[in-house]
Amino acid sequence: DIRSARGLFFYPQQAAPLVAALKAAAEGAPQPAGAAVPDLRELLGA
């Protein structure tokens, strides 16, 4: 699923906060503050 969002990486300003948020979710950590996190469902396709 994560790999299929390959189009995300054409937009570094979207990709970085989303991957940071995904990392936090995997570690059970609080979601990082700061840049808005895009909706991954949009990037995977509605």
All heavy atoms as atom14 arrays in JSON, in Angstrom:
{
  "sequence": "DIRSARGLFFYPQQAAPLVAALKAAAEGAPQPAGAAVPDLRELLGA",
  "atom14_mask": [
    [1, 1, 1, 1, 1, 1, 1, 1, 0, 0, 0, 0, 0, 0],
    [1, 1, 1, 1, 1, 1, 1, 1, 0, 0, 0, 0, 0, 0],
    [1, 1, 1, 1, 1, 1, 1, 1, 1, 1, 1, 0, 0, 0],
    [1, 1, 1, 1, 1, 1, 0, 0, 0, 0, 0, 0, 0, 0],
    [1, 1, 1, 1, 1, 0, 0, 0, 0, 0, 0, 0, 0, 0],
    [1, 1, 1, 1, 1, 1, 1, 1, 1, 1, 1, 0, 0, 0],
    [1, 1, 1, 1, 0, 0, 0, 0, 0, 0, 0, 0, 0, 0],
    [1, 1, 1, 1, 1, 1, 1, 1, 0, 0, 0, 0, 0, 0],
    [1, 1, 1, 1, 1, 1, 1, 1, 1, 1, 1, 0, 0, 0],
    [1, 1, 1, 1, 1, 1, 1, 1, 1, 1, 1, 0, 0, 0],
    [1, 1, 1, 1, 1, 1, 1, 1, 1, 1, 1, 1, 0, 0],
    [1, 1, 1, 1, 1, 1, 1, 0, 0, 0, 0, 0, 0, 0],
    [1, 1, 1, 1, 1, 1, 1, 1, 1, 0, 0, 0, 0, 0],
    [1, 1, 1, 1, 1, 1, 1, 1, 1, 0, 0, 0, 0, 0],
    [1, 1, 1, 1, 1, 0, 0, 0, 0, 0, 0, 0, 0, 0],
    [1, 1, 1, 1, 1, 0, 0, 0, 0, 0, 0, 0, 0, 0],
    [1, 1, 1, 1, 1, 1, 1, 0, 0, 0, 0, 0, 0, 0],
    [1, 1, 1, 1, 1, 1, 1, 1, 0, 0, 0, 0, 0, 0],
    [1, 1, 1, 1, 1, 1, 1, 0, 0, 0, 0, 0, 0, 0],
    [1, 1, 1, 1, 1, 0, 0, 0, 0, 0, 0, 0, 0, 0],
    [1, 1, 1, 1, 1, 0, 0, 0, 0, 0, 0, 0, 0, 0],
    [1, 1, 1, 1, 1, 1, 1, 1, 0, 0, 0, 0, 0, 0],
    [1, 1, 1, 1, 1, 1, 1, 1, 1, 0, 0, 0, 0, 0],
    [1, 1, 1, 1, 1, 0, 0, 0, 0, 0, 0, 0, 0, 0],
    [1, 1, 1, 1, 1, 0, 0, 0, 0, 0, 0, 0, 0, 0],
    [1, 1, 1, 1, 1, 0, 0, 0, 0, 0, 0, 0, 0, 0],
    [1, 1, 1, 1, 1, 1, 1, 1, 1, 0, 0, 0, 0, 0],
    [1, 1, 1, 1, 0, 0, 0, 0, 0, 0, 0, 0, 0, 0],
    [1, 1, 1, 1, 1, 0, 0, 0, 0, 0, 0, 0, 0, 0],
    [1, 1, 1, 1, 1, 1, 1, 0, 0, 0, 0, 0, 0, 0],
    [1, 1, 1, 1, 1, 1, 1, 1, 1, 0, 0, 0, 0, 0],
    [1, 1, 1, 1, 1, 1, 1, 0, 0, 0, 0, 0, 0, 0],
    [1, 1, 1, 1, 1, 0, 0, 0, 0, 0, 0, 0, 0, 0],
    [1, 1, 1, 1, 0, 0, 0, 0, 0, 0, 0, 0, 0, 0],
    [1, 1, 1, 1, 1, 0, 0, 0, 0, 0, 0, 0, 0, 0],
    [1, 1, 1, 1, 1, 0, 0, 0, 0, 0, 0, 0, 0, 0],
    [1, 1, 1, 1, 1, 1, 1, 0, 0, 0, 0, 0, 0, 0],
    [1, 1, 1, 1, 1, 1, 1, 0, 0, 0, 0, 0, 0, 0],
    [1, 1, 1, 1, 1, 1, 1, 1, 0, 0, 0, 0, 0, 0],
    [1, 1, 1, 1, 1, 1, 1, 1, 0, 0, 0, 0, 0, 0],
    [1, 1, 1, 1, 1, 1, 1, 1, 1, 1, 1, 0, 0, 0],
    [1, 1, 1, 1, 1, 1, 1, 1, 1, 0, 0, 0, 0, 0],
    [1, 1, 1, 1, 1, 1, 1, 1, 0, 0, 0, 0, 0, 0],
    [1, 1, 1, 1, 1, 1, 1, 1, 0, 0, 0, 0, 0, 0],
    [1, 1, 1, 1, 0, 0, 0, 0, 0, 0, 0, 0, 0, 0],
    [1, 1, 1, 1, 1, 0, 0, 0, 0, 0, 0, 0, 0, 0]
  ],
  "atom14_positions": [
    [[0.83, -1.2, 0.0], [0.0, 0.0, 0.0], [0.87, 1.25, 0.0], [0.6, 2.21, -0.74], [-0.92, 0.03, 1.22], [-1.98, -1.05, 1.21], [-2.4, -1.45, 0.11], [-2.37, -1.49, 2.31], [0.0, 0.0, 0.0], [0.0, 0.0, 0.0], [0.0, 0.0, 0.0], [0.0, 0.0, 0.0], [0.0, 0.0, 0.0], [0.0, 0.0, 0.0]],
    [[1.88, 1.25, 0.82], [2.76, 2.42, 0.92], [3.48, 2.65, -0.41], [3.58, 3.77, -0.91], [3.75, 2.25, 2.07], [2.99, 2.16, 3.41], [4.76, 3.38, 2.1], [3.86, 1.76, 4.59], [0.0, 0.0, 0.0], [0.0, 0.0, 0.0], [0.0, 0.0, 0.0], [0.0, 0.0, 0.0], [0.0, 0.0, 0.0], [0.0, 0.0, 0.0]],
    [[3.98, 1.58, -1.02], [4.69, 1.73, -2.29], [3.79, 2.23, -3.4], [4.23, 2.95, -4.31], [5.32, 0.39, -2.71], [6.45, -0.07, -1.83], [7.21, -1.23, -2.45], [6.4, -2.4, -2.69], [6.14, -2.92, -3.9], [6.62, -2.34, -4.99], [5.42, -4.0, -4.02], [0.0, 0.0, 0.0], [0.0, 0.0, 0.0], [0.0, 0.0, 0.0]],
    [[2.51, 1.86, -3.34], [1.6, 2.25, -4.43], [1.31, 3.75, -4.42], [0.76, 4.27, -5.39], [0.29, 1.46, -4.35], [-0.48, 1.85, -3.23], [0.0, 0.0, 0.0], [0.0, 0.0, 0.0], [0.0, 0.0, 0.0], [0.0, 0.0, 0.0], [0.0, 0.0, 0.0], [0.0, 0.0, 0.0], [0.0, 0.0, 0.0], [0.0, 0.0, 0.0]],
    [[1.7, 4.45, -3.36], [1.56, 5.91, -3.31], [2.77, 6.59, -3.93], [3.14, 7.68, -3.53], [1.35, 6.37, -1.88], [0.0, 0.0, 0.0], [0.0, 0.0, 0.0], [0.0, 0.0, 0.0], [0.0, 0.0, 0.0], [0.0, 0.0, 0.0], [0.0, 0.0, 0.0], [0.0, 0.0, 0.0], [0.0, 0.0, 0.0], [0.0, 0.0, 0.0]],
    [[3.38, 5.97, -4.93], [4.63, 6.46, -5.52], [4.5, 7.9, -6.02], [5.47, 8.65, -6.02], [5.06, 5.55, -6.65], [3.97, 5.21, -7.68], [3.97, 6.12, -8.86], [2.67, 6.12, -9.52], [2.32, 7.04, -10.39], [3.14, 8.01, -10.71], [1.12, 7.01, -10.93], [0.0, 0.0, 0.0], [0.0, 0.0, 0.0], [0.0, 0.0, 0.0]],
    [[3.31, 8.34, -6.45], [3.15, 9.7, -6.95], [3.4, 10.75, -5.89], [3.69, 11.91, -6.21], [0.0, 0.0, 0.0], [0.0, 0.0, 0.0], [0.0, 0.0, 0.0], [0.0, 0.0, 0.0], [0.0, 0.0, 0.0], [0.0, 0.0, 0.0], [0.0, 0.0, 0.0], [0.0, 0.0, 0.0], [0.0, 0.0, 0.0], [0.0, 0.0, 0.0]],
    [[3.31, 10.37, -4.62], [3.54, 11.29, -3.52], [4.91, 11.93, -3.59], [5.09, 13.11, -3.24], [3.38, 10.52, -2.21], [3.82, 11.19, -0.9], [2.87, 12.34, -0.59], [3.82, 10.18, 0.23], [0.0, 0.0, 0.0], [0.0, 0.0, 0.0], [0.0, 0.0, 0.0], [0.0, 0.0, 0.0], [0.0, 0.0, 0.0], [0.0, 0.0, 0.0]],
    [[5.91, 11.2, -4.05], [7.28, 11.67, -3.95], [7.64, 12.7, -5.01], [8.76, 13.24, -4.98], [8.23, 10.47, -3.96], [8.01, 9.59, -2.77], [7.27, 8.42, -2.88], [8.46, 9.97, -1.53], [7.03, 7.63, -1.78], [8.21, 9.19, -0.41], [7.49, 8.01, -0.53], [0.0, 0.0, 0.0], [0.0, 0.0, 0.0], [0.0, 0.0, 0.0]],
    [[6.73, 13.0, -5.89], [6.92, 14.11, -6.8], [6.64, 15.45, -6.11], [6.87, 16.5, -6.68], [6.03, 13.96, -8.03], [6.49, 12.9, -8.98], [6.25, 11.56, -8.72], [7.19, 13.22, -10.13], [6.68, 10.56, -9.59], [7.62, 12.24, -11.01], [7.37, 10.91, -10.74], [0.0, 0.0, 0.0], [0.0, 0.0, 0.0], [0.0, 0.0, 0.0]],
    [[6.16, 15.4, -4.87], [5.8, 16.58, -4.09], [6.49, 16.5, -2.73], [5.89, 16.06, -1.74], [4.29, 16.65, -3.88], [3.47, 16.56, -5.13], [3.08, 15.31, -5.62], [3.07, 17.71, -5.81], [2.33, 15.22, -6.78], [2.31, 17.61, -6.97], [1.95, 16.37, -7.45], [1.2, 16.27, -8.59], [0.0, 0.0, 0.0], [0.0, 0.0, 0.0]],
    [[7.75, 16.89, -2.62], [8.46, 16.74, -1.34], [7.75, 17.41, -0.17], [7.77, 16.87, 0.95], [9.81, 17.42, -1.63], [10.01, 17.26, -3.09], [8.63, 17.39, -3.69], [0.0, 0.0, 0.0], [0.0, 0.0, 0.0], [0.0, 0.0, 0.0], [0.0, 0.0, 0.0], [0.0, 0.0, 0.0], [0.0, 0.0, 0.0], [0.0, 0.0, 0.0]],
    [[7.11, 18.55, -0.39], [6.45, 19.25, 0.71], [5.23, 18.49, 1.22], [4.77, 18.74, 2.34], [6.03, 20.65, 0.27], [7.2, 21.57, -0.04], [6.73, 22.95, -0.45], [6.24, 23.71, 0.37], [6.88, 23.26, -1.73], [0.0, 0.0, 0.0], [0.0, 0.0, 0.0], [0.0, 0.0, 0.0], [0.0, 0.0, 0.0], [0.0, 0.0, 0.0]],
    [[4.69, 17.57, 0.44], [3.62, 16.7, 0.91], [4.18, 15.39, 1.47], [3.68, 14.86, 2.47], [2.63, 16.38, -0.22], [1.82, 17.56, -0.69], [0.77, 17.12, -1.7], [0.16, 16.07, -1.56], [0.55, 17.92, -2.71], [0.0, 0.0, 0.0], [0.0, 0.0, 0.0], [0.0, 0.0, 0.0], [0.0, 0.0, 0.0], [0.0, 0.0, 0.0]],
    [[5.2, 14.86, 0.79], [5.7, 13.54, 1.16], [6.34, 13.54, 2.54], [6.13, 12.61, 3.34], [6.7, 13.06, 0.12], [0.0, 0.0, 0.0], [0.0, 0.0, 0.0], [0.0, 0.0, 0.0], [0.0, 0.0, 0.0], [0.0, 0.0, 0.0], [0.0, 0.0, 0.0], [0.0, 0.0, 0.0], [0.0, 0.0, 0.0], [0.0, 0.0, 0.0]],
    [[7.15, 14.55, 2.84], [7.89, 14.54, 4.1], [6.98, 14.52, 5.32], [7.16, 13.68, 6.21], [8.86, 15.72, 4.14], [0.0, 0.0, 0.0], [0.0, 0.0, 0.0], [0.0, 0.0, 0.0], [0.0, 0.0, 0.0], [0.0, 0.0, 0.0], [0.0, 0.0, 0.0], [0.0, 0.0, 0.0], [0.0, 0.0, 0.0], [0.0, 0.0, 0.0]],
    [[5.99, 15.42, 5.42], [5.13, 15.35, 6.61], [4.31, 14.07, 6.69], [4.04, 13.56, 7.78], [4.24, 16.6, 6.5], [4.31, 17.0, 5.08], [5.66, 16.6, 4.6], [0.0, 0.0, 0.0], [0.0, 0.0, 0.0], [0.0, 0.0, 0.0], [0.0, 0.0, 0.0], [0.0, 0.0, 0.0], [0.0, 0.0, 0.0], [0.0, 0.0, 0.0]],
    [[3.92, 13.52, 5.53], [3.12, 12.31, 5.57], [3.96, 11.12, 6.04], [3.5, 10.32, 6.86], [2.51, 12.04, 4.2], [1.38, 11.01, 4.2], [0.34, 11.35, 3.15], [1.91, 9.6, 3.95], [0.0, 0.0, 0.0], [0.0, 0.0, 0.0], [0.0, 0.0, 0.0], [0.0, 0.0, 0.0], [0.0, 0.0, 0.0], [0.0, 0.0, 0.0]],
    [[5.18, 11.0, 5.53], [6.03, 9.89, 5.96], [6.39, 10.04, 7.44], [6.45, 9.05, 8.19], [7.29, 9.79, 5.08], [8.25, 8.72, 5.62], [6.91, 9.47, 3.64], [0.0, 0.0, 0.0], [0.0, 0.0, 0.0], [0.0, 0.0, 0.0], [0.0, 0.0, 0.0], [0.0, 0.0, 0.0], [0.0, 0.0, 0.0], [0.0, 0.0, 0.0]],
    [[6.59, 11.29, 7.89], [6.87, 11.52, 9.32], [5.68, 11.08, 10.17], [5.85, 10.46, 11.24], [7.19, 12.99, 9.56], [0.0, 0.0, 0.0], [0.0, 0.0, 0.0], [0.0, 0.0, 0.0], [0.0, 0.0, 0.0], [0.0, 0.0, 0.0], [0.0, 0.0, 0.0], [0.0, 0.0, 0.0], [0.0, 0.0, 0.0], [0.0, 0.0, 0.0]],
    [[4.47, 11.39, 9.69], [3.28, 10.98, 10.43], [3.11, 9.46, 10.41], [2.7, 8.85, 11.41], [2.05, 11.66, 9.83], [0.0, 0.0, 0.0], [0.0, 0.0, 0.0], [0.0, 0.0, 0.0], [0.0, 0.0, 0.0], [0.0, 0.0, 0.0], [0.0, 0.0, 0.0], [0.0, 0.0, 0.0], [0.0, 0.0, 0.0], [0.0, 0.0, 0.0]],
    [[3.44, 8.83, 9.3], [3.36, 7.38, 9.2], [4.37, 6.72, 10.15], [4.06, 5.71, 10.81], [3.62, 6.95, 7.76], [3.53, 5.45, 7.45], [2.13, 4.92, 7.72], [3.92, 5.19, 5.99], [0.0, 0.0, 0.0], [0.0, 0.0, 0.0], [0.0, 0.0, 0.0], [0.0, 0.0, 0.0], [0.0, 0.0, 0.0], [0.0, 0.0, 0.0]],
    [[5.55, 7.29, 10.25], [6.57, 6.77, 11.15], [6.09, 6.86, 12.61], [6.25, 5.92, 13.39], [7.87, 7.55, 10.97], [9.02, 7.12, 11.88], [10.3, 7.86, 11.48], [11.47, 7.48, 12.37], [11.35, 8.1, 13.72], [0.0, 0.0, 0.0], [0.0, 0.0, 0.0], [0.0, 0.0, 0.0], [0.0, 0.0, 0.0], [0.0, 0.0, 0.0]],
    [[5.49, 8.0, 12.94], [4.98, 8.15, 14.3], [3.89, 7.13, 14.59], [3.85, 6.53, 15.68], [4.44, 9.57, 14.49], [0.0, 0.0, 0.0], [0.0, 0.0, 0.0], [0.0, 0.0, 0.0], [0.0, 0.0, 0.0], [0.0, 0.0, 0.0], [0.0, 0.0, 0.0], [0.0, 0.0, 0.0], [0.0, 0.0, 0.0], [0.0, 0.0, 0.0]],
    [[3.02, 6.89, 13.62], [1.95, 5.91, 13.82], [2.53, 4.51, 14.01], [2.05, 3.73, 14.85], [1.0, 5.93, 12.62], [0.0, 0.0, 0.0], [0.0, 0.0, 0.0], [0.0, 0.0, 0.0], [0.0, 0.0, 0.0], [0.0, 0.0, 0.0], [0.0, 0.0, 0.0], [0.0, 0.0, 0.0], [0.0, 0.0, 0.0], [0.0, 0.0, 0.0]],
    [[3.56, 4.17, 13.24], [4.17, 2.85, 13.36], [4.81, 2.67, 14.73], [4.85, 1.55, 15.27], [5.21, 2.65, 12.27], [0.0, 0.0, 0.0], [0.0, 0.0, 0.0], [0.0, 0.0, 0.0], [0.0, 0.0, 0.0], [0.0, 0.0, 0.0], [0.0, 0.0, 0.0], [0.0, 0.0, 0.0], [0.0, 0.0, 0.0], [0.0, 0.0, 0.0]],
    [[5.33, 3.76, 15.31], [6.01, 3.68, 16.6], [5.09, 3.92, 17.78], [5.53, 3.88, 18.93], [7.15, 4.71, 16.61], [8.24, 4.42, 15.58], [9.26, 5.54, 15.46], [8.98, 6.65, 16.0], [10.31, 5.32, 14.84], [0.0, 0.0, 0.0], [0.0, 0.0, 0.0], [0.0, 0.0, 0.0], [0.0, 0.0, 0.0], [0.0, 0.0, 0.0]],
    [[3.8, 4.2, 17.48], [2.87, 4.49, 18.55], [3.14, 5.81, 19.23], [2.75, 6.03, 20.39], [0.0, 0.0, 0.0], [0.0, 0.0, 0.0], [0.0, 0.0, 0.0], [0.0, 0.0, 0.0], [0.0, 0.0, 0.0], [0.0, 0.0, 0.0], [0.0, 0.0, 0.0], [0.0, 0.0, 0.0], [0.0, 0.0, 0.0], [0.0, 0.0, 0.0]],
    [[3.82, 6.71, 18.53], [4.17, 8.02, 19.08], [3.11, 9.04, 18.71], [2.33, 8.84, 17.76], [5.54, 8.45, 18.55], [0.0, 0.0, 0.0], [0.0, 0.0, 0.0], [0.0, 0.0, 0.0], [0.0, 0.0, 0.0], [0.0, 0.0, 0.0], [0.0, 0.0, 0.0], [0.0, 0.0, 0.0], [0.0, 0.0, 0.0], [0.0, 0.0, 0.0]],
    [[3.06, 10.18, 19.4], [2.12, 11.24, 19.02], [2.42, 11.75, 17.61], [3.57, 11.75, 17.16], [2.38, 12.33, 20.08], [3.04, 11.62, 21.21], [3.83, 10.5, 20.6], [0.0, 0.0, 0.0], [0.0, 0.0, 0.0], [0.0, 0.0, 0.0], [0.0, 0.0, 0.0], [0.0, 0.0, 0.0], [0.0, 0.0, 0.0], [0.0, 0.0, 0.0]],
    [[1.38, 12.16, 16.92], [1.57, 12.7, 15.58], [2.37, 14.0, 15.66], [2.15, 14.83, 16.53], [0.22, 12.96, 14.92], [-0.49, 11.7, 14.49], [0.25, 10.98, 13.37], [0.48, 11.52, 12.31], [0.64, 9.73, 13.63], [0.0, 0.0, 0.0], [0.0, 0.0, 0.0], [0.0, 0.0, 0.0], [0.0, 0.0, 0.0], [0.0, 0.0, 0.0]],
    [[3.34, 14.18, 14.75], [4.19, 15.38, 14.8], [3.38, 16.64, 14.54], [2.45, 16.64, 13.73], [5.22, 15.13, 13.7], [4.58, 14.13, 12.79], [3.71, 13.28, 13.65], [0.0, 0.0, 0.0], [0.0, 0.0, 0.0], [0.0, 0.0, 0.0], [0.0, 0.0, 0.0], [0.0, 0.0, 0.0], [0.0, 0.0, 0.0], [0.0, 0.0, 0.0]],
    [[3.74, 17.69, 15.23], [3.09, 18.99, 15.01], [3.77, 19.66, 13.81], [4.86, 19.29, 13.39], [3.23, 19.85, 16.26], [0.0, 0.0, 0.0], [0.0, 0.0, 0.0], [0.0, 0.0, 0.0], [0.0, 0.0, 0.0], [0.0, 0.0, 0.0], [0.0, 0.0, 0.0], [0.0, 0.0, 0.0], [0.0, 0.0, 0.0], [0.0, 0.0, 0.0]],
    [[3.1, 20.67, 13.29], [3.71, 21.42, 12.2], [2.91, 21.31, 10.92], [1.71, 21.54, 10.9], [0.0, 0.0, 0.0], [0.0, 0.0, 0.0], [0.0, 0.0, 0.0], [0.0, 0.0, 0.0], [0.0, 0.0, 0.0], [0.0, 0.0, 0.0], [0.0, 0.0, 0.0], [0.0, 0.0, 0.0], [0.0, 0.0, 0.0], [0.0, 0.0, 0.0]],
    [[3.59, 20.9, 9.83], [2.98, 20.9, 8.5], [1.75, 20.0, 8.45], [1.71, 18.93, 9.08], [3.99, 20.45, 7.46], [0.0, 0.0, 0.0], [0.0, 0.0, 0.0], [0.0, 0.0, 0.0], [0.0, 0.0, 0.0], [0.0, 0.0, 0.0], [0.0, 0.0, 0.0], [0.0, 0.0, 0.0], [0.0, 0.0, 0.0], [0.0, 0.0, 0.0]],
    [[0.75, 20.44, 7.72], [-0.45, 19.63, 7.54], [-0.1, 18.33, 6.83], [0.73, 18.31, 5.91], [-1.48, 20.42, 6.74], [0.0, 0.0, 0.0], [0.0, 0.0, 0.0], [0.0, 0.0, 0.0], [0.0, 0.0, 0.0], [0.0, 0.0, 0.0], [0.0, 0.0, 0.0], [0.0, 0.0, 0.0], [0.0, 0.0, 0.0], [0.0, 0.0, 0.0]],
    [[-0.74, 17.27, 7.24], [-0.48, 15.94, 6.66], [-1.55, 15.65, 5.62], [-2.74, 15.65, 5.94], [-0.48, 14.86, 7.75], [-0.25, 13.48, 7.13], [0.59, 15.16, 8.79], [0.0, 0.0, 0.0], [0.0, 0.0, 0.0], [0.0, 0.0, 0.0], [0.0, 0.0, 0.0], [0.0, 0.0, 0.0], [0.0, 0.0, 0.0], [0.0, 0.0, 0.0]],
    [[-1.18, 15.38, 4.37], [-2.19, 15.05, 3.35], [-2.94, 13.78, 3.69], [-2.47, 12.93, 4.46], [-1.35, 14.86, 2.07], [-0.03, 15.51, 2.36], [0.18, 15.39, 3.83], [0.0, 0.0, 0.0], [0.0, 0.0, 0.0], [0.0, 0.0, 0.0], [0.0, 0.0, 0.0], [0.0, 0.0, 0.0], [0.0, 0.0, 0.0], [0.0, 0.0, 0.0]],
    [[-4.11, 13.64, 3.12], [-4.91, 12.44, 3.28], [-4.36, 11.37, 2.35], [-4.42, 11.5, 1.12], [-6.37, 12.75, 2.94], [-7.3, 11.57, 3.25], [-6.8, 10.44, 3.39], [-8.52, 11.8, 3.33], [0.0, 0.0, 0.0], [0.0, 0.0, 0.0], [0.0, 0.0, 0.0], [0.0, 0.0, 0.0], [0.0, 0.0, 0.0], [0.0, 0.0, 0.0]],
    [[-3.8, 10.32, 2.92], [-3.18, 9.27, 2.1], [-4.19, 8.58, 1.21], [-3.85, 8.1, 0.13], [-2.48, 8.26, 3.0], [-1.66, 7.18, 2.29], [-0.59, 7.8, 1.41], [-1.03, 6.23, 3.3], [0.0, 0.0, 0.0], [0.0, 0.0, 0.0], [0.0, 0.0, 0.0], [0.0, 0.0, 0.0], [0.0, 0.0, 0.0], [0.0, 0.0, 0.0]],
    [[-5.46, 8.56, 1.62], [-6.47, 7.93, 0.77], [-6.58, 8.65, -0.56], [-6.85, 8.03, -1.6], [-7.81, 7.91, 1.5], [-7.89, 6.85, 2.58], [-9.07, 7.05, 3.49], [-8.93, 8.27, 4.28], [-9.64, 8.55, 5.36], [-10.56, 7.69, 5.76], [-9.45, 9.66, 6.04], [0.0, 0.0, 0.0], [0.0, 0.0, 0.0], [0.0, 0.0, 0.0]],
    [[-6.39, 9.97, -0.56], [-6.41, 10.71, -1.82], [-5.23, 10.31, -2.69], [-5.35, 10.19, -3.91], [-6.36, 12.21, -1.54], [-7.64, 12.79, -0.98], [-8.76, 12.79, -2.01], [-8.48, 13.07, -3.19], [-9.9, 12.49, -1.65], [0.0, 0.0, 0.0], [0.0, 0.0, 0.0], [0.0, 0.0, 0.0], [0.0, 0.0, 0.0], [0.0, 0.0, 0.0]],
    [[-4.07, 10.12, -2.08], [-2.88, 9.78, -2.85], [-2.92, 8.35, -3.35], [-2.35, 8.03, -4.4], [-1.64, 10.01, -1.99], [-1.44, 11.48, -1.58], [-0.53, 11.58, -0.38], [-0.91, 12.29, -2.73], [0.0, 0.0, 0.0], [0.0, 0.0, 0.0], [0.0, 0.0, 0.0], [0.0, 0.0, 0.0], [0.0, 0.0, 0.0], [0.0, 0.0, 0.0]],
    [[-3.58, 7.47, -2.61], [-3.74, 6.08, -3.05], [-4.83, 5.96, -4.1], [-4.95, 4.95, -4.78], [-4.08, 5.18, -1.86], [-2.95, 4.96, -0.86], [-3.47, 4.22, 0.37], [-1.81, 4.19, -1.49], [0.0, 0.0, 0.0], [0.0, 0.0, 0.0], [0.0, 0.0, 0.0], [0.0, 0.0, 0.0], [0.0, 0.0, 0.0], [0.0, 0.0, 0.0]],
    [[-5.64, 7.01, -4.24], [-6.77, 6.96, -5.17], [-8.05, 6.83, -4.4], [-8.17, 6.02, -3.48], [0.0, 0.0, 0.0], [0.0, 0.0, 0.0], [0.0, 0.0, 0.0], [0.0, 0.0, 0.0], [0.0, 0.0, 0.0], [0.0, 0.0, 0.0], [0.0, 0.0, 0.0], [0.0, 0.0, 0.0], [0.0, 0.0, 0.0], [0.0, 0.0, 0.0]],
    [[-9.02, 7.66, -4.75], [-10.31, 7.6, -4.07], [-10.95, 6.23, -4.3], [-10.66, 5.54, -5.28], [-11.22, 8.7, -4.62], [0.0, 0.0, 0.0], [0.0, 0.0, 0.0], [0.0, 0.0, 0.0], [0.0, 0.0, 0.0], [0.0, 0.0, 0.0], [0.0, 0.0, 0.0], [0.0, 0.0, 0.0], [0.0, 0.0, 0.0], [0.0, 0.0, 0.0]]
  ]
}
